[in-house]
Amino acid sequence: MPREPSGMSQQAAVELRRILVPVDGSEGADAALNHAISLAGAVGAEIRLLSVVDPYVLSTVTERKEVEEELEAVVEEAAARVRDAGVEASTAVETGFPHEEILDAVADDDIDLVAMGTHGRRGLQRFVLGSVAEKVVRLSPVPVLTVRTGATGRRPYENIVVPTDGSDAALPAERLGVNLTGQFDAVAHALSVVPKGRIRSSETVEAQEEAARKAVDRVVALGDAAGVRVEEAVEHGVPHRVIVDYCESLDADLAVLGTHGRTGVERFVLGSVAEKVLRLSETPVLVVPSGWEARE
């Protein structure tokens, strides 16, 4: 059931100053850029555009030069789109392994969030964003927004799903999900999943359901503190499938979840769940590292 916020926000908005968007001219990268522009406009961030020349898949110096020139054009065209939307933009073209260059840029440019497509150009294997995105999600110290080609969802966001298991590791994702919901004047949907199948002898289904209710109640409390409307749901099933199906049935615009969760019991191991959701979801997914701390 929905709960209305109890009053004005008592929680500082998360500050996202710089969003990194790797681009290669593919549809997946373009879709991610669209979401990054929407995010940047809502939170007042600037966008850093990065293209990476992978010399290890190019056979000649001439081919490398051609790719460099093409990617220079790609980042400049993307920058023009960003600036036309009233958002500040800067560009860079680097050479190396794509995921390493992206992670280096996160550290060197003081990036707060990465937005990237999950499928990129495969013909010349210059920048295969599918595998690159998974590596970045696993290794990034900052949240990573992944967007599939042709992803569903509106911009600006109206419905944001926040899956949680109630663990300490899930808390940064809960906070960011609620904060973004407030920035977009949207509705947050707190979701916890009681997995089907065998349970540990020390626990009962009732105990798991109670833990799931406490998990969504924590998101509701965050929403109350931020003046954000939160709806609650406790579902049963295979966690990643429930999350994907829930987002689809809701026609959600964004899912925000953590990368590591409770492992002592098999309620909701967010590490593996996040990867499966990332691979299967048509809804854009914002993956938040367990140890991430936002600027405030």
C-alpha atoms as a PDB file:
ATOM      1  CA  MET A   1       0.000   0.000   0.000  1.00  0.00           C
ATOM      2  CA  PRO A   2       1.246   3.516  -0.660  1.00  0.00           C
ATOM      3  CA  ARG A   3       2.347   5.715   2.201  1.00  0.00           C
ATOM      4  CA  GLU A   4       2.345   9.448   1.796  1.00  0.00           C
ATOM      5  CA  PRO A   5       5.348  11.421   3.053  1.00  0.00           C
ATOM      6  CA  SER A   6       4.970  12.717   6.566  1.00  0.00           C
ATOM      7  CA  GLY A   7       6.297  16.215   5.895  1.00  0.00           C
ATOM      8  CA  MET A   8       9.001  18.333   4.339  1.00  0.00           C
ATOM      9  CA  SER A   9      12.344  16.748   3.531  1.00  0.00           C
ATOM     10  CA  GLN A  10      14.699  16.286   6.468  1.00  0.00           C
ATOM     11  CA  GLN A  11      17.292  14.469   4.368  1.00  0.00           C
ATOM     12  CA  ALA A  12      19.857  16.241   2.198  1.00  0.00           C
ATOM     13  CA  ALA A  13      19.660  15.454  -1.489  1.00  0.00           C
ATOM     14  CA  VAL A  14      22.466  13.327  -2.888  1.00  0.00           C
ATOM     15  CA  GLU A  15      24.806  15.533  -4.855  1.00  0.00           C
ATOM     16  CA  LEU A  16      25.850  14.197  -8.257  1.00  0.00           C
ATOM     17  CA  ARG A  17      28.237  16.672  -9.816  1.00  0.00           C
ATOM     18  CA  ARG A  18      29.805  14.709 -12.673  1.00  0.00           C
ATOM     19  CA  ILE A  19      28.309  11.913 -14.755  1.00  0.00           C
ATOM     20  CA  LEU A  20      30.579   9.890 -17.041  1.00  0.00           C
ATOM     21  CA  VAL A  21      29.046   8.566 -20.261  1.00  0.00           C
ATOM     22  CA  PRO A  22      31.148   6.222 -22.445  1.00  0.00           C
ATOM     23  CA  VAL A  23      30.025   6.611 -26.067  1.00  0.00           C
ATOM     24  CA  ASP A  24      30.837   4.765 -29.270  1.00  0.00           C
ATOM     25  CA  GLY A  25      28.045   5.829 -31.616  1.00  0.00           C
ATOM     26  CA  SER A  26      25.948   2.726 -30.897  1.00  0.00           C
ATOM     27  CA  GLU A  27      22.247   2.725 -30.060  1.00  0.00           C
ATOM     28  CA  GLY A  28      23.000   1.429 -26.582  1.00  0.00           C
ATOM     29  CA  ALA A  29      25.332   4.311 -25.839  1.00  0.00           C
ATOM     30  CA  ASP A  30      22.817   6.785 -27.247  1.00  0.00           C
ATOM     31  CA  ALA A  31      20.101   5.388 -24.974  1.00  0.00           C
ATOM     32  CA  ALA A  32      22.390   5.758 -21.955  1.00  0.00           C
ATOM     33  CA  LEU A  33      23.221   9.327 -22.962  1.00  0.00           C
ATOM     34  CA  ASN A  34      19.522  10.204 -23.063  1.00  0.00           C
ATOM     35  CA  HIS A  35      19.141   8.995 -19.481  1.00  0.00           C
ATOM     36  CA  ALA A  36      22.311  10.774 -18.396  1.00  0.00           C
ATOM     37  CA  ILE A  37      21.001  14.053 -19.832  1.00  0.00           C
ATOM     38  CA  SER A  38      17.744  13.605 -17.910  1.00  0.00           C
ATOM     39  CA  LEU A  39      19.626  12.824 -14.692  1.00  0.00           C
ATOM     40  CA  ALA A  40      22.060  15.696 -15.131  1.00  0.00           C
ATOM     41  CA  GLY A  41      19.242  18.126 -15.766  1.00  0.00           C
ATOM     42  CA  ALA A  42      17.405  17.000 -12.627  1.00  0.00           C
ATOM     43  CA  VAL A  43      20.381  17.110 -10.247  1.00  0.00           C
ATOM     44  CA  GLY A  44      22.425  19.907 -11.834  1.00  0.00           C
ATOM     45  CA  ALA A  45      25.353  17.721 -12.880  1.00  0.00           C
ATOM     46  CA  GLU A  46      27.751  18.044 -15.799  1.00  0.00           C
ATOM     47  CA  ILE A  47      28.451  15.232 -18.257  1.00  0.00           C
ATOM     48  CA  ARG A  48      31.878  13.884 -19.183  1.00  0.00           C
ATOM     49  CA  LEU A  49      31.832  12.050 -22.532  1.00  0.00           C
ATOM     50  CA  LEU A  50      34.451   9.388 -23.159  1.00  0.00           C
ATOM     51  CA  SER A  51      35.307   7.289 -26.199  1.00  0.00           C
ATOM     52  CA  VAL A  52      37.977   4.609 -26.048  1.00  0.00           C
ATOM     53  CA  VAL A  53      40.135   3.368 -28.898  1.00  0.00           C
ATOM     54  CA  ASP A  54      41.035  -0.250 -28.223  1.00  0.00           C
ATOM     55  CA  PRO A  55      44.325  -0.715 -30.146  1.00  0.00           C
ATOM     56  CA  TYR A  56      44.404  -4.432 -29.391  1.00  0.00           C
ATOM     57  CA  VAL A  57      41.610  -5.168 -31.870  1.00  0.00           C
ATOM     58  CA  LEU A  58      42.956  -2.909 -34.646  1.00  0.00           C
ATOM     59  CA  SER A  59      45.386  -4.427 -37.089  1.00  0.00           C
ATOM     60  CA  THR A  60      47.010  -1.350 -38.686  1.00  0.00           C
ATOM     61  CA  VAL A  61      48.084   2.174 -37.792  1.00  0.00           C
ATOM     62  CA  THR A  62      45.806   3.455 -40.546  1.00  0.00           C
ATOM     63  CA  GLU A  63      42.793   1.694 -39.058  1.00  0.00           C
ATOM     64  CA  ARG A  64      43.620   3.091 -35.625  1.00  0.00           C
ATOM     65  CA  LYS A  65      43.796   6.602 -37.029  1.00  0.00           C
ATOM     66  CA  GLU A  66      40.431   6.158 -38.725  1.00  0.00           C
ATOM     67  CA  VAL A  67      38.849   4.931 -35.516  1.00  0.00           C
ATOM     68  CA  GLU A  68      40.319   7.834 -33.535  1.00  0.00           C
ATOM     69  CA  GLU A  69      38.871  10.331 -36.007  1.00  0.00           C
ATOM     70  CA  GLU A  70      35.491   8.622 -35.973  1.00  0.00           C
ATOM     71  CA  LEU A  71      35.320   8.577 -32.178  1.00  0.00           C
ATOM     72  CA  GLU A  72      36.373  12.216 -32.000  1.00  0.00           C
ATOM     73  CA  ALA A  73      33.324  12.961 -34.127  1.00  0.00           C
ATOM     74  CA  VAL A  74      31.161  10.734 -31.907  1.00  0.00           C
ATOM     75  CA  VAL A  75      32.056  12.559 -28.686  1.00  0.00           C
ATOM     76  CA  GLU A  76      31.668  15.979 -30.278  1.00  0.00           C
ATOM     77  CA  GLU A  77      28.239  15.091 -31.638  1.00  0.00           C
ATOM     78  CA  ALA A  78      27.232  13.753 -28.211  1.00  0.00           C
ATOM     79  CA  ALA A  79      28.535  16.924 -26.553  1.00  0.00           C
ATOM     80  CA  ALA A  80      26.411  19.032 -28.866  1.00  0.00           C
ATOM     81  CA  ARG A  81      23.313  17.065 -27.817  1.00  0.00           C
ATOM     82  CA  VAL A  82      24.155  17.544 -24.156  1.00  0.00           C
ATOM     83  CA  ARG A  83      24.720  21.276 -24.507  1.00  0.00           C
ATOM     84  CA  ASP A  84      21.543  21.684 -26.533  1.00  0.00           C
ATOM     85  CA  ALA A  85      19.728  20.256 -23.491  1.00  0.00           C
ATOM     86  CA  GLY A  86      21.246  22.951 -21.295  1.00  0.00           C
ATOM     87  CA  VAL A  87      23.777  20.668 -19.584  1.00  0.00           C
ATOM     88  CA  GLU A  88      27.533  21.265 -19.382  1.00  0.00           C
ATOM     89  CA  ALA A  89      29.677  18.776 -21.298  1.00  0.00           C
ATOM     90  CA  SER A  90      33.343  17.886 -21.726  1.00  0.00           C
ATOM     91  CA  THR A  91      34.919  15.254 -23.975  1.00  0.00           C
ATOM     92  CA  ALA A  92      37.867  12.872 -24.106  1.00  0.00           C
ATOM     93  CA  VAL A  93      39.139  10.144 -26.424  1.00  0.00           C
ATOM     94  CA  GLU A  94      41.546   7.692 -24.791  1.00  0.00           C
ATOM     95  CA  THR A  95      43.423   4.593 -25.935  1.00  0.00           C
ATOM     96  CA  GLY A  96      43.499   1.294 -24.058  1.00  0.00           C
ATOM     97  CA  PHE A  97      41.238  -1.425 -22.688  1.00  0.00           C
ATOM     98  CA  PRO A  98      37.777   0.191 -22.531  1.00  0.00           C
ATOM     99  CA  HIS A  99      36.798  -0.848 -19.000  1.00  0.00           C
ATOM    100  CA  GLU A 100      40.186   0.226 -17.636  1.00  0.00           C
ATOM    101  CA  GLU A 101      39.967   3.637 -19.297  1.00  0.00           C
ATOM    102  CA  ILE A 102      36.447   4.112 -17.955  1.00  0.00           C
ATOM    103  CA  LEU A 103      37.518   3.230 -14.412  1.00  0.00           C
ATOM    104  CA  ASP A 104      40.585   5.475 -14.711  1.00  0.00           C
ATOM    105  CA  ALA A 105      38.317   8.333 -15.758  1.00  0.00           C
ATOM    106  CA  VAL A 106      36.085   7.695 -12.736  1.00  0.00           C
ATOM    107  CA  ALA A 107      39.088   8.153 -10.457  1.00  0.00           C
ATOM    108  CA  ASP A 108      40.879  10.935 -12.339  1.00  0.00           C
ATOM    109  CA  ASP A 109      37.831  13.098 -13.123  1.00  0.00           C
ATOM    110  CA  ASP A 110      36.097  12.790  -9.734  1.00  0.00           C
ATOM    111  CA  ILE A 111      33.075  11.070 -11.277  1.00  0.00           C
ATOM    112  CA  ASP A 112      29.954  10.451  -9.180  1.00  0.00           C
ATOM    113  CA  LEU A 113      28.027   8.164 -11.539  1.00  0.00           C
ATOM    114  CA  VAL A 114      28.610   6.271 -14.794  1.00  0.00           C
ATOM    115  CA  ALA A 115      25.831   5.865 -17.383  1.00  0.00           C
ATOM    116  CA  MET A 116      26.431   3.367 -20.184  1.00  0.00           C
ATOM    117  CA  GLY A 117      24.725   1.068 -22.624  1.00  0.00           C
ATOM    118  CA  THR A 118      24.817  -2.683 -22.217  1.00  0.00           C
ATOM    119  CA  HIS A 119      25.214  -3.394 -25.914  1.00  0.00           C
ATOM    120  CA  GLY A 120      27.542  -1.553 -28.249  1.00  0.00           C
ATOM    121  CA  ARG A 121      29.113  -1.856 -31.643  1.00  0.00           C
ATOM    122  CA  ARG A 122      30.101  -5.434 -32.407  1.00  0.00           C
ATOM    123  CA  GLY A 123      31.076  -5.276 -36.065  1.00  0.00           C
ATOM    124  CA  LEU A 124      34.642  -4.124 -35.446  1.00  0.00           C
ATOM    125  CA  GLN A 125      34.677  -4.968 -31.736  1.00  0.00           C
ATOM    126  CA  ARG A 126      35.919  -1.475 -30.950  1.00  0.00           C
ATOM    127  CA  PHE A 127      33.852  -1.002 -27.870  1.00  0.00           C
ATOM    128  CA  VAL A 128      31.639  -3.946 -27.011  1.00  0.00           C
ATOM    129  CA  LEU A 129      29.621  -2.242 -24.300  1.00  0.00           C
ATOM    130  CA  GLY A 130      27.925  -5.422 -23.137  1.00  0.00           C
ATOM    131  CA  SER A 131      30.997  -7.059 -21.648  1.00  0.00           C
ATOM    132  CA  VAL A 132      32.547  -3.691 -20.796  1.00  0.00           C
ATOM    133  CA  ALA A 133      29.458  -2.656 -18.820  1.00  0.00           C
ATOM    134  CA  GLU A 134      29.561  -5.811 -16.701  1.00  0.00           C
ATOM    135  CA  LYS A 135      33.237  -5.276 -15.882  1.00  0.00           C
ATOM    136  CA  VAL A 136      32.608  -1.659 -14.960  1.00  0.00           C
ATOM    137  CA  VAL A 137      29.640  -2.596 -12.749  1.00  0.00           C
ATOM    138  CA  ARG A 138      31.756  -5.152 -10.891  1.00  0.00           C
ATOM    139  CA  LEU A 139      34.723  -2.849 -10.356  1.00  0.00           C
ATOM    140  CA  SER A 140      33.345   0.686 -10.185  1.00  0.00           C
ATOM    141  CA  PRO A 141      33.526   2.500  -6.828  1.00  0.00           C
ATOM    142  CA  VAL A 142      30.571   4.683  -7.909  1.00  0.00           C
ATOM    143  CA  PRO A 143      27.038   3.810  -9.075  1.00  0.00           C
ATOM    144  CA  VAL A 144      26.643   2.614 -12.661  1.00  0.00           C
ATOM    145  CA  LEU A 145      23.463   3.141 -14.670  1.00  0.00           C
ATOM    146  CA  THR A 146      23.076   0.537 -17.410  1.00  0.00           C
ATOM    147  CA  VAL A 147      20.613   1.017 -20.239  1.00  0.00           C
ATOM    148  CA  ARG A 148      19.706  -1.578 -22.851  1.00  0.00           C
ATOM    149  CA  THR A 149      19.146  -0.650 -26.474  1.00  0.00           C
ATOM    150  CA  GLY A 150      15.469   0.158 -26.837  1.00  0.00           C
ATOM    151  CA  ALA A 151      14.991   0.228 -23.053  1.00  0.00           C
ATOM    152  CA  THR A 152      11.547   0.941 -21.683  1.00  0.00           C
ATOM    153  CA  GLY A 153      10.797   3.741 -19.243  1.00  0.00           C
ATOM    154  CA  ARG A 154       9.990   7.434 -19.263  1.00  0.00           C
ATOM    155  CA  ARG A 155      12.196  10.441 -18.745  1.00  0.00           C
ATOM    156  CA  PRO A 156      11.834  12.227 -16.452  1.00  0.00           C
ATOM    157  CA  TYR A 157      11.256   9.237 -14.191  1.00  0.00           C
ATOM    158  CA  GLU A 158       7.849   8.610 -12.633  1.00  0.00           C
ATOM    159  CA  ASN A 159       8.236   5.167 -11.016  1.00  0.00           C
ATOM    160  CA  ILE A 160      11.517   4.013  -9.441  1.00  0.00           C
ATOM    161  CA  VAL A 161      11.829   0.477  -8.036  1.00  0.00           C
ATOM    162  CA  VAL A 162      14.126  -0.017  -5.048  1.00  0.00           C
ATOM    163  CA  PRO A 163      14.695  -3.753  -4.410  1.00  0.00           C
ATOM    164  CA  THR A 164      16.194  -4.466  -0.978  1.00  0.00           C
ATOM    165  CA  ASP A 165      17.018  -7.274   1.426  1.00  0.00           C
ATOM    166  CA  GLY A 166      17.385  -4.953   4.395  1.00  0.00           C
ATOM    167  CA  SER A 167      21.123  -5.557   4.724  1.00  0.00           C
ATOM    168  CA  ASP A 168      23.666  -2.834   5.463  1.00  0.00           C
ATOM    169  CA  ALA A 169      25.024  -3.380   1.948  1.00  0.00           C
ATOM    170  CA  ALA A 170      21.662  -2.466   0.436  1.00  0.00           C
ATOM    171  CA  LEU A 171      21.401   0.849   2.305  1.00  0.00           C
ATOM    172  CA  PRO A 172      23.403   3.030  -0.153  1.00  0.00           C
ATOM    173  CA  ALA A 173      21.133   1.901  -2.995  1.00  0.00           C
ATOM    174  CA  GLU A 174      18.032   2.585  -0.901  1.00  0.00           C
ATOM    175  CA  ARG A 175      19.255   6.088  -0.090  1.00  0.00           C
ATOM    176  CA  LEU A 176      20.138   6.899  -3.686  1.00  0.00           C
ATOM    177  CA  GLY A 177      16.873   5.444  -4.982  1.00  0.00           C
ATOM    178  CA  VAL A 178      14.813   7.532  -2.573  1.00  0.00           C
ATOM    179  CA  ASN A 179      16.844  10.655  -3.255  1.00  0.00           C
ATOM    180  CA  LEU A 180      16.447  10.344  -7.017  1.00  0.00           C
ATOM    181  CA  THR A 181      12.740   9.727  -6.531  1.00  0.00           C
ATOM    182  CA  GLY A 182      12.566  13.064  -4.742  1.00  0.00           C
ATOM    183  CA  GLN A 183      14.621  14.829  -7.407  1.00  0.00           C
ATOM    184  CA  PHE A 184      12.167  13.674 -10.082  1.00  0.00           C
ATOM    185  CA  ASP A 185       9.034  14.090  -7.948  1.00  0.00           C
ATOM    186  CA  ALA A 186       8.373  10.423  -8.691  1.00  0.00           C
ATOM    187  CA  VAL A 187       7.099   7.431  -6.680  1.00  0.00           C
ATOM    188  CA  ALA A 188       9.483   4.929  -5.088  1.00  0.00           C
ATOM    189  CA  HIS A 189       8.481   1.262  -4.993  1.00  0.00           C
ATOM    190  CA  ALA A 190      10.197  -0.646  -2.182  1.00  0.00           C
ATOM    191  CA  LEU A 191      10.404  -4.331  -3.098  1.00  0.00           C
ATOM    192  CA  SER A 192      11.687  -7.245  -1.039  1.00  0.00           C
ATOM    193  CA  VAL A 193      11.617 -10.854  -2.190  1.00  0.00           C
ATOM    194  CA  VAL A 194      11.131 -13.978  -0.100  1.00  0.00           C
ATOM    195  CA  PRO A 195      12.806 -16.676  -2.198  1.00  0.00           C
ATOM    196  CA  LYS A 196      11.046 -19.944  -2.883  1.00  0.00           C
ATOM    197  CA  GLY A 197      12.796 -23.210  -2.229  1.00  0.00           C
ATOM    198  CA  ARG A 198      14.691 -24.697   0.679  1.00  0.00           C
ATOM    199  CA  ILE A 199      15.379 -22.523   3.689  1.00  0.00           C
ATOM    200  CA  ARG A 200      17.951 -22.833   6.448  1.00  0.00           C
ATOM    201  CA  SER A 201      16.901 -24.950   9.419  1.00  0.00           C
ATOM    202  CA  SER A 202      17.326 -21.933  11.701  1.00  0.00           C
ATOM    203  CA  GLU A 203      14.670 -19.934   9.851  1.00  0.00           C
ATOM    204  CA  THR A 204      11.035 -20.202   8.914  1.00  0.00           C
ATOM    205  CA  VAL A 205       9.102 -18.716   6.019  1.00  0.00           C
ATOM    206  CA  GLU A 206       7.388 -16.473   8.545  1.00  0.00           C
ATOM    207  CA  ALA A 207      10.762 -15.159   9.736  1.00  0.00           C
ATOM    208  CA  GLN A 208      11.816 -14.454   6.156  1.00  0.00           C
ATOM    209  CA  GLU A 209       8.572 -12.624   5.487  1.00  0.00           C
ATOM    210  CA  GLU A 210       9.066 -10.525   8.610  1.00  0.00           C
ATOM    211  CA  ALA A 211      12.616  -9.644   7.497  1.00  0.00           C
ATOM    212  CA  ALA A 212      11.269  -8.646   4.073  1.00  0.00           C
ATOM    213  CA  ARG A 213       8.639  -6.410   5.689  1.00  0.00           C
ATOM    214  CA  LYS A 214      11.311  -4.752   7.825  1.00  0.00           C
ATOM    215  CA  ALA A 215      13.401  -4.195   4.690  1.00  0.00           C
ATOM    216  CA  VAL A 216      10.642  -2.321   2.875  1.00  0.00           C
ATOM    217  CA  ASP A 217       9.749  -0.441   6.058  1.00  0.00           C
ATOM    218  CA  ARG A 218      13.293   0.949   6.109  1.00  0.00           C
ATOM    219  CA  VAL A 219      12.822   2.359   2.623  1.00  0.00           C
ATOM    220  CA  VAL A 220       9.500   3.843   3.724  1.00  0.00           C
ATOM    221  CA  ALA A 221      11.282   5.535   6.640  1.00  0.00           C
ATOM    222  CA  LEU A 222      13.846   6.994   4.247  1.00  0.00           C
ATOM    223  CA  GLY A 223      10.995   8.231   2.095  1.00  0.00           C
ATOM    224  CA  ASP A 224       9.272   9.831   5.073  1.00  0.00           C
ATOM    225  CA  ALA A 225      12.493  11.652   5.986  1.00  0.00           C
ATOM    226  CA  ALA A 226      12.892  12.911   2.413  1.00  0.00           C
ATOM    227  CA  GLY A 227       9.252  13.804   1.794  1.00  0.00           C
ATOM    228  CA  VAL A 228       9.011  11.067  -0.850  1.00  0.00           C
ATOM    229  CA  ARG A 229       6.025   8.826  -1.540  1.00  0.00           C
ATOM    230  CA  VAL A 230       6.861   5.123  -1.187  1.00  0.00           C
ATOM    231  CA  GLU A 231       4.780   2.084  -2.111  1.00  0.00           C
ATOM    232  CA  GLU A 232       5.635  -1.288  -0.571  1.00  0.00           C
ATOM    233  CA  ALA A 233       5.684  -4.803  -1.957  1.00  0.00           C
ATOM    234  CA  VAL A 234       6.772  -8.146  -0.520  1.00  0.00           C
ATOM    235  CA  GLU A 235       6.817 -10.892  -3.140  1.00  0.00           C
ATOM    236  CA  HIS A 236       7.745 -14.588  -3.237  1.00  0.00           C
ATOM    237  CA  GLY A 237       9.836 -16.258  -5.915  1.00  0.00           C
ATOM    238  CA  VAL A 238      13.272 -16.252  -7.522  1.00  0.00           C
ATOM    239  CA  PRO A 239      14.638 -12.798  -6.611  1.00  0.00           C
ATOM    240  CA  HIS A 240      16.024 -11.635  -9.953  1.00  0.00           C
ATOM    241  CA  ARG A 241      12.993 -12.910 -11.849  1.00  0.00           C
ATOM    242  CA  VAL A 242      10.609 -11.240  -9.407  1.00  0.00           C
ATOM    243  CA  ILE A 243      12.473  -7.937  -9.755  1.00  0.00           C
ATOM    244  CA  VAL A 244      12.478  -8.072 -13.554  1.00  0.00           C
ATOM    245  CA  ASP A 245       8.799  -9.080 -13.701  1.00  0.00           C
ATOM    246  CA  TYR A 246       7.807  -6.469 -11.122  1.00  0.00           C
ATOM    247  CA  CYS A 247       9.539  -3.704 -13.081  1.00  0.00           C
ATOM    248  CA  GLU A 248       7.849  -4.877 -16.262  1.00  0.00           C
ATOM    249  CA  SER A 249       4.371  -5.100 -14.717  1.00  0.00           C
ATOM    250  CA  LEU A 250       4.776  -1.655 -13.177  1.00  0.00           C
ATOM    251  CA  ASP A 251       6.214  -0.211 -16.391  1.00  0.00           C
ATOM    252  CA  ALA A 252       8.985   1.142 -14.172  1.00  0.00           C
ATOM    253  CA  ASP A 253      11.392   3.782 -15.389  1.00  0.00           C
ATOM    254  CA  LEU A 254      14.384   2.797 -13.255  1.00  0.00           C
ATOM    255  CA  ALA A 255      15.501   0.086 -10.823  1.00  0.00           C
ATOM    256  CA  VAL A 256      18.082   0.969  -8.151  1.00  0.00           C
ATOM    257  CA  LEU A 257      19.767  -1.912  -6.333  1.00  0.00           C
ATOM    258  CA  GLY A 258      22.976  -2.833  -4.552  1.00  0.00           C
ATOM    259  CA  THR A 259      25.804  -5.119  -5.619  1.00  0.00           C
ATOM    260  CA  HIS A 260      26.230  -7.119  -2.425  1.00  0.00           C
ATOM    261  CA  GLY A 261      23.714  -8.245   0.130  1.00  0.00           C
ATOM    262  CA  ARG A 262      23.085 -10.768   2.823  1.00  0.00           C
ATOM    263  CA  THR A 263      25.004 -13.992   2.191  1.00  0.00           C
ATOM    264  CA  GLY A 264      24.553 -15.794   5.519  1.00  0.00           C
ATOM    265  CA  VAL A 265      21.023 -16.725   4.528  1.00  0.00           C
ATOM    266  CA  GLU A 266      19.699 -17.187   1.045  1.00  0.00           C
ATOM    267  CA  ARG A 267      17.179 -14.367   1.096  1.00  0.00           C
ATOM    268  CA  PHE A 268      18.596 -12.038  -1.423  1.00  0.00           C
ATOM    269  CA  VAL A 269      22.246 -12.242  -2.445  1.00  0.00           C
ATOM    270  CA  LEU A 270      22.364  -8.886  -4.169  1.00  0.00           C
ATOM    271  CA  GLY A 271      25.705  -9.476  -5.897  1.00  0.00           C
ATOM    272  CA  SER A 272      24.468 -12.240  -8.157  1.00  0.00           C
ATOM    273  CA  VAL A 273      20.953 -10.822  -8.275  1.00  0.00           C
ATOM    274  CA  ALA A 274      22.195  -7.466  -9.568  1.00  0.00           C
ATOM    275  CA  GLU A 275      24.137  -9.104 -12.388  1.00  0.00           C
ATOM    276  CA  LYS A 276      21.153 -11.218 -13.439  1.00  0.00           C
ATOM    277  CA  VAL A 277      18.807  -8.248 -13.322  1.00  0.00           C
ATOM    278  CA  LEU A 278      21.285  -6.194 -15.354  1.00  0.00           C
ATOM    279  CA  ARG A 279      21.397  -8.877 -18.051  1.00  0.00           C
ATOM    280  CA  LEU A 280      17.647  -9.511 -18.247  1.00  0.00           C
ATOM    281  CA  SER A 281      15.906  -6.247 -17.429  1.00  0.00           C
ATOM    282  CA  GLU A 282      14.442  -4.026 -20.118  1.00  0.00           C
ATOM    283  CA  THR A 283      14.180  -1.370 -17.414  1.00  0.00           C
ATOM    284  CA  PRO A 284      17.303   0.771 -16.897  1.00  0.00           C
ATOM    285  CA  VAL A 285      19.221  -0.467 -13.856  1.00  0.00           C
ATOM    286  CA  LEU A 286      21.281   1.680 -11.500  1.00  0.00           C
ATOM    287  CA  VAL A 287      23.712  -0.534  -9.581  1.00  0.00           C
ATOM    288  CA  VAL A 288      25.109   0.978  -6.384  1.00  0.00           C
ATOM    289  CA  PRO A 289      28.262  -0.424  -4.692  1.00  0.00           C
ATOM    290  CA  SER A 290      27.735  -1.470  -1.095  1.00  0.00           C
ATOM    291  CA  GLY A 291      30.431   0.840   0.270  1.00  0.00           C
ATOM    292  CA  TRP A 292      29.485   3.899  -1.756  1.00  0.00           C
ATOM    293  CA  GLU A 293      29.019   7.184   0.064  1.00  0.00           C
ATOM    294  CA  ALA A 294      27.368  10.057  -1.769  1.00  0.00           C
ATOM    295  CA  ARG A 295      28.376  13.677  -1.574  1.00  0.00           C
ATOM    296  CA  GLU A 296      25.913  15.665   0.496  1.00  0.00           C
END
